[in-house]
């Protein structure tokens, strides 16, 4: 480079800013990832992350399965595999889904790198920039990130204690189509919702299926928590009652271990073929070693008994959180009462802002995820997600006590200095106090 010409690279924070694809403008770091460095400090009680507690796993059994796999089948386990996934594991996945009423053939199953990749593949196959995806309000932050990255428009639909409101879903479909926009699918987490903690009622499941059939709208059913209910049998999956209108996503991350990164999608035949092609272009094939390790575990261990132990462990933690919230939280604070899964959705008293309050909470050595992380439109500032899956019951009780002290401080400041400016505080119809 000539000495007479300035090197513009030295004046830019990012030398490639003008070269990125337009879709990268929608790629932003999640608020949960930003919390990890703080929440992982031992002095902080983290009620933020949704990390499964794998301390109850029989690591000796897992270790033996891995050792035997390497010794007996290592040459295959450490080689490339099928883009659709290991056929033995796909057959076992069908057995798992049968617990939720799904009658599927192994050929219907596409193994993915966690169910997160399945969301990505489905969105890649279906969505062009500007297409609409309808989601519950709030919705899973990882899915919202995918939709944003593919330049989709997210339209939220209100929820309450019984899950998504069918009338609101019907109205949203009509409004979007009246505006001349294309809706590609309705994304839902019907069981033990992340982050809301509620489940779609049996009566509403039939109604939601009828609405989507009448509208010829595909449903993307994301169900990582379905086997982690605390009372009774698993809910019947939406996919069980509509094979052509529902793509079902599952995962071993919550019922075994997330580090193996094994999930799956079950889709109508033509869609399945597209997902396999998308999988092959993304990864060639899902990791064979991970698949065969999980397959060996399912074959050699009482995995249903292990799931039962997980359910009992998470129930104990849920009970600890609900008891602490009841004892410690100030009046006008409300929260959901999950019957399974990992999360409680808490709504603060009027005028408080969970995101603005977070630095003070971290100073008090407790962490949570502000509700704004779970909306595509910036709403949710009055809400927060609390996770009870990883801390011990004693740590949960201490964390809630610290959080309640911070909230009480905020209320005292508000009483001293008056209400926040107009527009602050609660800013979305649902979920709010009605989710109590």
Protein backbone atom coordinates (compact mmCIF):
# COMPACT_ATOMS: atom_id res chain seq x y z
CA UNK A 1 0.00 0.00 0.00
CA UNK A 2 1.29 3.44 -0.91
CA UNK A 3 2.58 5.51 2.01
CA UNK A 4 0.54 8.43 0.64
CA UNK A 5 -2.78 6.62 1.04
CA UNK A 6 -4.41 6.20 4.49
CA UNK A 7 -5.23 2.66 5.64
CA UNK A 8 -9.00 2.88 6.24
CA UNK A 9 -8.87 -0.40 8.11
CA UNK A 10 -7.23 1.39 11.00
CA UNK A 11 -10.19 3.76 11.40
CA UNK A 12 -12.97 1.12 11.53
CA UNK A 13 -14.17 -1.03 14.36
CA UNK A 14 -15.20 -3.66 11.79
CA UNK A 15 -13.43 -3.72 8.45
CA UNK A 16 -16.13 -5.88 6.90
CA UNK A 17 -19.19 -3.91 7.94
CA UNK A 18 -20.07 -3.04 4.33
CA UNK A 19 -19.70 -6.60 3.11
CA UNK A 20 -22.01 -8.57 5.37
CA UNK A 21 -25.26 -9.99 4.05
CA UNK A 22 -28.37 -7.96 4.87
CA UNK A 23 -29.70 -10.75 7.09
CA UNK A 24 -26.86 -10.24 9.59
CA UNK A 25 -28.56 -7.05 10.74
CA UNK A 26 -31.02 -9.29 12.57
CA UNK A 27 -28.29 -11.28 14.31
CA UNK A 28 -27.80 -9.99 17.83
CA UNK A 29 -26.49 -11.54 21.04
CA UNK A 30 -29.25 -12.82 23.30
CA UNK A 31 -29.72 -11.27 26.71
CA UNK A 32 -29.22 -14.72 28.23
CA UNK A 33 -25.77 -15.14 26.70
CA UNK A 34 -24.79 -11.72 27.97
CA UNK A 35 -25.67 -12.85 31.50
CA UNK A 36 -23.55 -16.00 31.51
CA UNK A 37 -20.27 -14.42 32.62
CA UNK A 38 -21.96 -12.79 35.60
CA UNK A 39 -24.41 -15.56 36.47
CA UNK A 40 -21.65 -18.18 36.55
CA UNK A 41 -19.86 -16.51 39.47
CA UNK A 42 -20.19 -18.73 42.56
CA UNK A 43 -21.41 -15.89 44.78
CA UNK A 44 -24.35 -15.18 42.42
CA UNK A 45 -27.52 -17.25 42.68
CA UNK A 46 -28.45 -17.69 39.04
CA UNK A 47 -32.16 -17.99 38.38
CA UNK A 48 -31.39 -17.07 34.78
CA UNK A 49 -30.04 -19.99 32.76
CA UNK A 50 -32.07 -23.01 31.69
CA UNK A 51 -29.25 -25.52 32.18
CA UNK A 52 -30.57 -29.01 32.99
CA UNK A 53 -29.27 -30.47 36.23
CA UNK A 54 -27.43 -33.56 35.02
CA UNK A 55 -26.01 -34.32 38.47
CA UNK A 56 -28.54 -37.12 38.76
CA UNK A 57 -27.33 -38.91 35.65
CA UNK A 58 -25.68 -42.31 36.27
CA UNK A 59 -22.29 -41.27 34.90
CA UNK A 60 -20.90 -44.74 35.46
CA UNK A 61 -23.54 -46.14 33.10
CA UNK A 62 -22.88 -43.40 30.55
CA UNK A 63 -19.14 -43.97 30.84
CA UNK A 64 -19.53 -47.71 30.32
CA UNK A 65 -21.75 -47.11 27.30
CA UNK A 66 -19.17 -44.76 25.77
CA UNK A 67 -16.32 -47.19 26.46
CA UNK A 68 -18.20 -50.13 24.94
CA UNK A 69 -19.19 -48.01 21.95
CA UNK A 70 -15.58 -47.11 21.20
CA UNK A 71 -14.31 -50.65 21.75
CA UNK A 72 -17.05 -52.43 19.83
CA UNK A 73 -18.14 -49.95 17.17
CA UNK A 74 -15.63 -47.11 17.24
CA UNK A 75 -14.79 -47.22 13.54
CA UNK A 76 -18.42 -46.52 12.67
CA UNK A 77 -19.21 -44.19 15.58
CA UNK A 78 -16.35 -41.86 14.64
CA UNK A 79 -17.10 -41.82 10.91
CA UNK A 80 -19.47 -39.77 8.75
CA UNK A 81 -23.08 -40.92 8.77
CA UNK A 82 -26.46 -40.34 7.20
CA UNK A 83 -27.76 -36.80 6.79
CA UNK A 84 -31.08 -38.02 8.16
CA UNK A 85 -29.54 -39.58 11.24
CA UNK A 86 -28.72 -43.00 12.63
CA UNK A 87 -31.52 -45.44 11.73
CA UNK A 88 -31.39 -47.26 15.09
CA UNK A 89 -31.73 -43.99 17.00
CA UNK A 90 -34.55 -42.85 14.74
CA UNK A 91 -36.44 -46.03 15.62
CA UNK A 92 -35.86 -45.35 19.33
CA UNK A 93 -37.05 -41.77 18.92
CA UNK A 94 -40.34 -43.17 17.62
CA UNK A 95 -40.65 -45.13 20.88
CA UNK A 96 -40.04 -41.94 22.87
CA UNK A 97 -42.69 -40.00 20.94
CA UNK A 98 -45.22 -42.80 21.37
CA UNK A 99 -45.49 -41.68 25.00
CA UNK A 100 -47.16 -38.51 23.68
CA UNK A 101 -49.46 -40.31 21.26
CA UNK A 102 -47.34 -39.83 18.12
CA UNK A 103 -47.41 -42.76 15.70
CA UNK A 104 -44.40 -42.18 13.46
CA UNK A 105 -42.14 -44.28 11.26
CA UNK A 106 -38.34 -43.93 11.56
CA UNK A 107 -38.34 -42.63 8.00
CA UNK A 108 -40.35 -39.63 9.22
CA UNK A 109 -37.58 -38.58 11.62
CA UNK A 110 -34.67 -36.23 10.86
CA UNK A 111 -32.00 -36.10 13.57
CA UNK A 112 -30.61 -32.62 14.20
CA UNK A 113 -27.92 -30.92 16.28
CA UNK A 114 -30.32 -30.22 19.12
CA UNK A 115 -33.85 -29.00 18.50
CA UNK A 116 -32.37 -25.51 18.06
CA UNK A 117 -30.94 -26.61 14.71
CA UNK A 118 -34.32 -28.08 13.82
CA UNK A 119 -35.91 -24.64 14.27
CA UNK A 120 -33.20 -23.20 12.03
CA UNK A 121 -33.66 -25.83 9.30
CA UNK A 122 -37.45 -25.45 9.24
CA UNK A 123 -37.11 -21.66 9.01
CA UNK A 124 -34.50 -21.95 6.27
CA UNK A 125 -36.74 -24.27 4.26
CA UNK A 126 -39.92 -22.20 4.60
CA UNK A 127 -39.13 -18.53 5.11
CA UNK A 128 -38.13 -15.73 2.78
CA UNK A 129 -37.27 -12.23 4.06
CA UNK A 130 -40.44 -10.45 5.12
CA UNK A 131 -42.47 -13.62 5.74
CA UNK A 132 -44.44 -13.75 8.97
CA UNK A 133 -44.04 -16.25 11.79
CA UNK A 134 -46.72 -16.18 14.46
CA UNK A 135 -45.42 -16.85 18.00
CA UNK A 136 -46.81 -16.85 21.49
CA UNK A 137 -46.17 -13.81 23.66
CA UNK A 138 -43.65 -14.36 25.18
CA UNK A 139 -41.67 -16.91 23.18
CA UNK A 140 -38.40 -18.86 23.28
CA UNK A 141 -35.46 -16.50 22.82
CA UNK A 142 -33.50 -19.00 20.69
CA UNK A 143 -36.31 -19.33 18.18
CA UNK A 144 -36.78 -15.56 18.02
CA UNK A 145 -33.08 -15.27 17.19
CA UNK A 146 -33.48 -17.71 14.31
CA UNK A 147 -36.50 -15.88 12.91
CA UNK A 148 -34.68 -12.58 13.18
CA UNK A 149 -31.61 -13.97 11.41
CA UNK A 150 -33.76 -15.10 8.47
CA UNK A 151 -35.40 -11.66 8.33
CA UNK A 152 -38.84 -12.86 9.33
CA UNK A 153 -41.46 -10.65 10.87
CA UNK A 154 -42.68 -12.04 14.18
CA UNK A 155 -46.30 -11.45 15.19
CA UNK A 156 -47.00 -12.25 18.83
CA UNK A 157 -50.24 -13.77 20.14
CA UNK A 158 -51.36 -13.37 23.75
CA UNK A 159 -51.28 -16.21 26.29
CA UNK A 160 -52.87 -16.85 29.67
CA UNK A 161 -52.80 -19.70 32.19
CA UNK A 162 -54.19 -22.13 29.59
CA UNK A 163 -51.64 -21.28 26.91
CA UNK A 164 -52.15 -19.38 23.69
CA UNK A 165 -55.57 -17.75 23.36
CA UNK A 166 -57.35 -19.29 20.33
CA UNK A 167 -59.36 -16.15 19.57
CA UNK A 168 -56.20 -14.05 19.54
CA UNK A 169 -54.53 -16.57 17.21
CA UNK A 170 -57.51 -16.45 14.86
CA UNK A 171 -57.50 -12.66 14.87
CA UNK A 172 -53.76 -12.49 14.23
CA UNK A 173 -54.01 -14.79 11.22
CA UNK A 174 -56.83 -12.70 9.75
CA UNK A 175 -55.05 -9.40 10.39
CA UNK A 176 -51.75 -10.50 8.84
CA UNK A 177 -53.45 -11.86 5.74
CA UNK A 178 -55.62 -8.78 5.43
CA UNK A 179 -52.38 -6.81 5.27
CA UNK A 180 -51.28 -8.93 2.32
CA UNK A 181 -48.47 -10.72 4.14
CA UNK A 182 -47.54 -14.41 4.04
CA UNK A 183 -47.64 -16.45 7.23
CA UNK A 184 -45.36 -19.45 7.03
CA UNK A 185 -46.13 -21.17 10.34
CA UNK A 186 -47.31 -20.84 13.92
CA UNK A 187 -44.46 -21.57 16.35
CA UNK A 188 -45.61 -22.94 19.70
CA UNK A 189 -44.21 -24.56 22.84
CA UNK A 190 -47.42 -26.18 24.13
CA UNK A 191 -45.98 -27.98 27.18
CA UNK A 192 -44.40 -26.24 30.20
CA UNK A 193 -43.65 -23.23 28.09
CA UNK A 194 -40.28 -21.50 27.92
CA UNK A 195 -40.43 -18.87 29.37
CA UNK A 196 -44.05 -18.64 30.56
CA UNK A 197 -44.19 -21.98 32.40
CA UNK A 198 -47.81 -22.64 31.32
CA UNK A 199 -49.24 -25.45 29.17
CA UNK A 200 -51.84 -25.41 26.42
CA UNK A 201 -55.04 -26.91 27.82
CA UNK A 202 -56.54 -30.04 26.27
CA UNK A 203 -59.62 -28.10 25.13
CA UNK A 204 -57.52 -25.40 23.48
CA UNK A 205 -55.36 -27.95 21.66
CA UNK A 206 -58.35 -29.06 19.63
CA UNK A 207 -59.32 -25.44 18.97
CA UNK A 208 -55.80 -24.45 17.86
CA UNK A 209 -55.62 -27.41 15.49
CA UNK A 210 -59.02 -26.51 14.02
CA UNK A 211 -58.00 -22.86 13.53
CA UNK A 212 -54.76 -23.77 11.78
CA UNK A 213 -56.43 -26.41 9.59
CA UNK A 214 -59.10 -23.92 8.52
CA UNK A 215 -56.39 -21.34 7.75
CA UNK A 216 -54.15 -23.94 6.05
CA UNK A 217 -51.39 -22.86 8.42
CA UNK A 218 -48.50 -25.10 9.40
CA UNK A 219 -47.76 -25.59 13.12
CA UNK A 220 -44.20 -25.90 14.38
CA UNK A 221 -44.56 -27.75 17.70
CA UNK A 222 -41.41 -27.40 19.84
CA UNK A 223 -41.56 -29.82 22.75
CA UNK A 224 -38.30 -30.23 24.72
CA UNK A 225 -40.06 -30.42 28.11
CA UNK A 226 -42.98 -32.73 27.30
CA UNK A 227 -41.82 -35.68 29.43
CA UNK A 228 -40.96 -33.47 32.42
CA UNK A 229 -44.45 -32.98 33.79
CA UNK A 230 -44.81 -33.29 37.54
CA UNK A 231 -48.29 -34.81 37.67
CA UNK A 232 -49.97 -37.41 35.49
CA UNK A 233 -49.20 -38.68 32.01
CA UNK A 234 -47.60 -36.55 29.28
CA UNK A 235 -49.86 -34.33 27.23
CA UNK A 236 -50.94 -35.68 23.87
CA UNK A 237 -48.86 -33.94 21.19
CA UNK A 238 -50.49 -31.73 18.56
CA UNK A 239 -48.66 -33.86 15.98
CA UNK A 240 -50.52 -36.94 17.25
CA UNK A 241 -53.77 -35.49 15.87
CA UNK A 242 -52.48 -33.93 12.64
CA UNK A 243 -49.60 -35.60 10.80
CA UNK A 244 -49.81 -33.34 7.75
CA UNK A 245 -50.30 -30.01 9.48
CA UNK A 246 -47.69 -30.22 12.26
CA UNK A 247 -43.89 -30.44 12.33
CA UNK A 248 -42.84 -31.80 15.71
CA UNK A 249 -39.49 -31.00 17.34
CA UNK A 250 -37.96 -33.00 20.19
CA UNK A 251 -34.68 -33.12 22.09
CA UNK A 252 -32.60 -35.27 24.43
CA UNK A 253 -31.08 -32.16 25.99
CA UNK A 254 -33.58 -32.02 28.87
CA UNK A 255 -34.17 -35.75 29.42
CA UNK A 256 -30.55 -36.89 29.02
CA UNK A 257 -27.77 -34.33 28.54
CA UNK A 258 -27.44 -31.18 26.43
CA UNK A 259 -23.75 -31.67 25.69
CA UNK A 260 -24.46 -34.36 23.11
CA UNK A 261 -26.56 -31.91 21.07
CA UNK A 262 -29.08 -34.40 19.69
CA UNK A 263 -32.60 -33.40 18.74
CA UNK A 264 -35.01 -34.28 15.98
CA UNK A 265 -37.82 -33.18 13.72
CA UNK A 266 -40.79 -35.23 12.51
CA UNK A 267 -42.38 -33.79 9.41
CA UNK A 268 -44.65 -34.66 6.49
CA UNK A 269 -42.79 -36.67 3.85
CA UNK A 270 -42.10 -33.85 1.37
CA UNK A 271 -40.96 -31.50 4.13
CA UNK A 272 -38.74 -34.20 5.59
CA UNK A 273 -36.87 -34.48 2.30
CA UNK A 274 -36.21 -30.73 2.29
CA UNK A 275 -34.99 -30.87 5.89
CA UNK A 276 -32.53 -33.65 5.05
CA UNK A 277 -31.15 -31.59 2.16
CA UNK A 278 -30.86 -28.54 4.42
CA UNK A 279 -29.15 -30.67 7.08
CA UNK A 280 -26.63 -31.99 4.57
CA UNK A 281 -25.79 -28.49 3.38
CA UNK A 282 -25.32 -27.30 6.97
CA UNK A 283 -23.39 -30.16 8.60
CA UNK A 284 -23.23 -33.07 6.08
CA UNK A 285 -24.62 -35.20 8.93
CA UNK A 286 -25.47 -34.86 12.61
CA UNK A 287 -22.68 -36.17 14.91
CA UNK A 288 -22.66 -39.96 14.71
CA UNK A 289 -20.80 -40.46 17.99
CA UNK A 290 -23.39 -38.47 19.94
CA UNK A 291 -26.25 -40.33 18.31
CA UNK A 292 -24.82 -43.77 18.98
CA UNK A 293 -23.97 -42.87 22.58
CA UNK A 294 -27.57 -41.87 23.23
CA UNK A 295 -28.78 -44.97 21.39
CA UNK A 296 -26.61 -47.18 23.60
CA UNK A 297 -27.88 -45.38 26.72
CA UNK A 298 -31.51 -45.89 25.68
CA UNK A 299 -30.84 -49.57 24.97
CA UNK A 300 -28.94 -50.40 28.16
CA UNK A 301 -30.40 -48.19 30.83
CA UNK A 302 -33.83 -47.64 32.39
CA UNK A 303 -34.15 -44.24 30.75
CA UNK A 304 -37.82 -43.88 31.70
CA UNK A 305 -36.86 -44.44 35.31
CA UNK A 306 -34.17 -41.78 34.89
CA UNK A 307 -36.73 -39.33 33.50
CA UNK A 308 -38.90 -40.04 36.53
CA UNK A 309 -35.96 -39.12 38.80
CA UNK A 310 -35.47 -35.88 36.87
CA UNK A 311 -39.15 -35.06 37.25
CA UNK A 312 -38.99 -35.58 41.02
CA UNK A 313 -35.84 -33.45 41.28
CA UNK A 314 -37.34 -30.59 39.28
CA UNK A 315 -40.62 -30.83 41.18
CA UNK A 316 -38.73 -30.32 44.44
CA UNK A 317 -37.00 -27.26 42.99
CA UNK A 318 -40.27 -25.89 41.58
CA UNK A 319 -41.89 -26.28 44.99
CA UNK A 320 -39.00 -24.46 46.65
CA UNK A 321 -39.33 -21.55 44.24
CA UNK A 322 -43.09 -21.24 44.56
CA UNK A 323 -42.89 -21.40 48.36
CA UNK A 324 -40.18 -18.73 48.45
CA UNK A 325 -42.09 -16.47 46.07
CA UNK A 326 -45.24 -16.80 48.19
CA UNK A 327 -43.34 -15.96 51.37
CA UNK A 328 -41.03 -13.20 50.13
CA UNK A 329 -42.54 -11.33 47.20
CA UNK A 330 -44.30 -8.00 47.76
CA UNK A 331 -47.98 -7.54 47.01
CA UNK A 332 -48.96 -6.98 43.36
CA UNK A 333 -46.19 -9.34 42.19
CA UNK A 334 -47.65 -12.30 40.31
CA UNK A 335 -46.19 -15.45 38.80
CA UNK A 336 -47.12 -18.60 36.97
CA UNK A 337 -47.32 -21.99 38.68
CA UNK A 338 -45.78 -24.49 36.26
CA UNK A 339 -46.86 -28.14 36.30
CA UNK A 340 -43.57 -29.20 34.69
CA UNK A 341 -40.49 -27.96 32.91
CA UNK A 342 -37.98 -25.42 34.18
CA UNK A 343 -39.49 -21.92 34.42
CA UNK A 344 -41.63 -19.45 36.33
CA UNK A 345 -42.74 -16.22 34.63
CA UNK A 346 -42.96 -13.36 37.10
CA UNK A 347 -44.71 -10.03 36.61
CA UNK A 348 -43.51 -7.10 38.71
CA UNK A 349 -45.72 -4.50 40.38
CA UNK A 350 -46.88 -1.70 38.13
CA UNK A 351 -44.17 0.73 37.07
CA UNK A 352 -41.12 -1.48 37.67
CA UNK A 353 -38.77 -2.41 34.84
CA UNK A 354 -37.02 -5.79 35.05
CA UNK A 355 -34.30 -4.87 32.59
CA UNK A 356 -33.44 -1.59 34.33
CA UNK A 357 -33.45 -3.40 37.67
CA UNK A 358 -31.05 -6.19 36.58
CA UNK A 359 -27.75 -4.42 37.42
CA UNK A 360 -28.99 -3.81 40.95
CA UNK A 361 -30.07 -7.45 41.23
CA UNK A 362 -26.64 -8.65 40.12
CA UNK A 363 -25.06 -6.36 42.71
CA UNK A 364 -27.30 -8.14 45.24
CA UNK A 365 -25.90 -11.43 43.87
CA UNK A 366 -28.96 -12.78 42.10
CA UNK A 367 -29.58 -13.08 38.35
CA UNK A 368 -32.66 -13.54 36.16
CA UNK A 369 -33.59 -12.94 32.52
CA UNK A 370 -35.59 -9.77 31.78
CA UNK A 371 -38.85 -10.34 29.93
CA UNK A 372 -37.79 -8.21 26.96
CA UNK A 373 -35.54 -11.10 25.82
CA UNK A 374 -38.64 -13.12 24.95
CA UNK A 375 -40.42 -10.61 22.73
CA UNK A 376 -39.50 -9.61 19.19
CA UNK A 377 -40.95 -6.15 19.65
CA UNK A 378 -39.27 -4.88 22.82
CA UNK A 379 -42.21 -5.51 25.13
CA UNK A 380 -42.10 -7.47 28.38
CA UNK A 381 -40.19 -4.98 30.50
CA UNK A 382 -42.41 -5.62 33.53
CA UNK A 383 -41.71 -9.36 33.46
CA UNK A 384 -38.83 -11.75 34.10
CA UNK A 385 -38.07 -15.45 33.69
CA UNK A 386 -36.94 -17.36 36.76
CA UNK A 387 -35.36 -20.78 36.32
CA UNK A 388 -35.44 -23.41 39.06
CA UNK A 389 -33.84 -26.32 37.18
CA UNK A 390 -30.20 -25.99 38.21
CA UNK A 391 -29.79 -24.46 41.71
CA UNK A 392 -30.45 -26.51 44.82
CA UNK A 393 -33.67 -25.79 46.72
CA UNK A 394 -31.65 -23.95 49.37
CA UNK A 395 -29.99 -21.74 46.75
CA UNK A 396 -33.36 -21.08 45.11
CA UNK A 397 -34.80 -19.94 48.45
CA UNK A 398 -31.82 -17.63 49.01
CA UNK A 399 -31.97 -16.29 45.45
CA UNK A 400 -35.67 -15.45 45.72
CA UNK A 401 -35.05 -13.70 49.05
CA UNK A 402 -32.34 -11.56 47.45
CA UNK A 403 -34.58 -10.78 44.49
CA UNK A 404 -37.49 -9.82 46.73
CA UNK A 405 -35.23 -7.41 48.62
CA UNK A 406 -34.23 -5.74 45.35
CA UNK A 407 -37.87 -5.42 44.27
CA UNK A 408 -38.84 -3.93 47.63
CA UNK A 409 -36.00 -1.42 47.28
CA UNK A 410 -37.29 -0.46 43.85
CA UNK A 411 -40.77 0.04 45.22
CA UNK A 412 -39.43 2.26 48.01
CA UNK A 413 -37.52 4.37 45.49
CA UNK A 414 -40.64 4.71 43.40
CA UNK A 415 -42.67 5.83 46.41
CA UNK A 416 -39.95 8.36 47.29
CA UNK A 417 -39.38 9.83 43.84
CA UNK A 418 -42.76 9.22 42.23
CA UNK A 419 -43.88 7.10 39.28
CA UNK A 420 -41.78 6.54 36.20
CA UNK A 421 -42.40 8.62 33.06
CA UNK A 422 -45.42 7.74 30.87
CA UNK A 423 -44.85 4.59 28.86
CA UNK A 424 -42.62 2.94 31.45
CA UNK A 425 -43.66 -0.19 33.29
CA UNK A 426 -46.17 -2.65 31.93
CA UNK A 427 -46.35 -2.50 28.19
CA UNK A 428 -48.03 -5.63 26.87
CA UNK A 429 -51.48 -7.14 27.28
CA UNK A 430 -50.19 -10.61 28.14
CA UNK A 431 -48.82 -12.37 29.97
CA UNK A 432 -49.25 -10.26 33.05
CA UNK A 433 -51.17 -10.53 36.29
CA UNK A 434 -53.64 -12.91 34.65
CA UNK A 435 -50.83 -15.49 34.56
CA UNK A 436 -50.98 -16.10 38.29
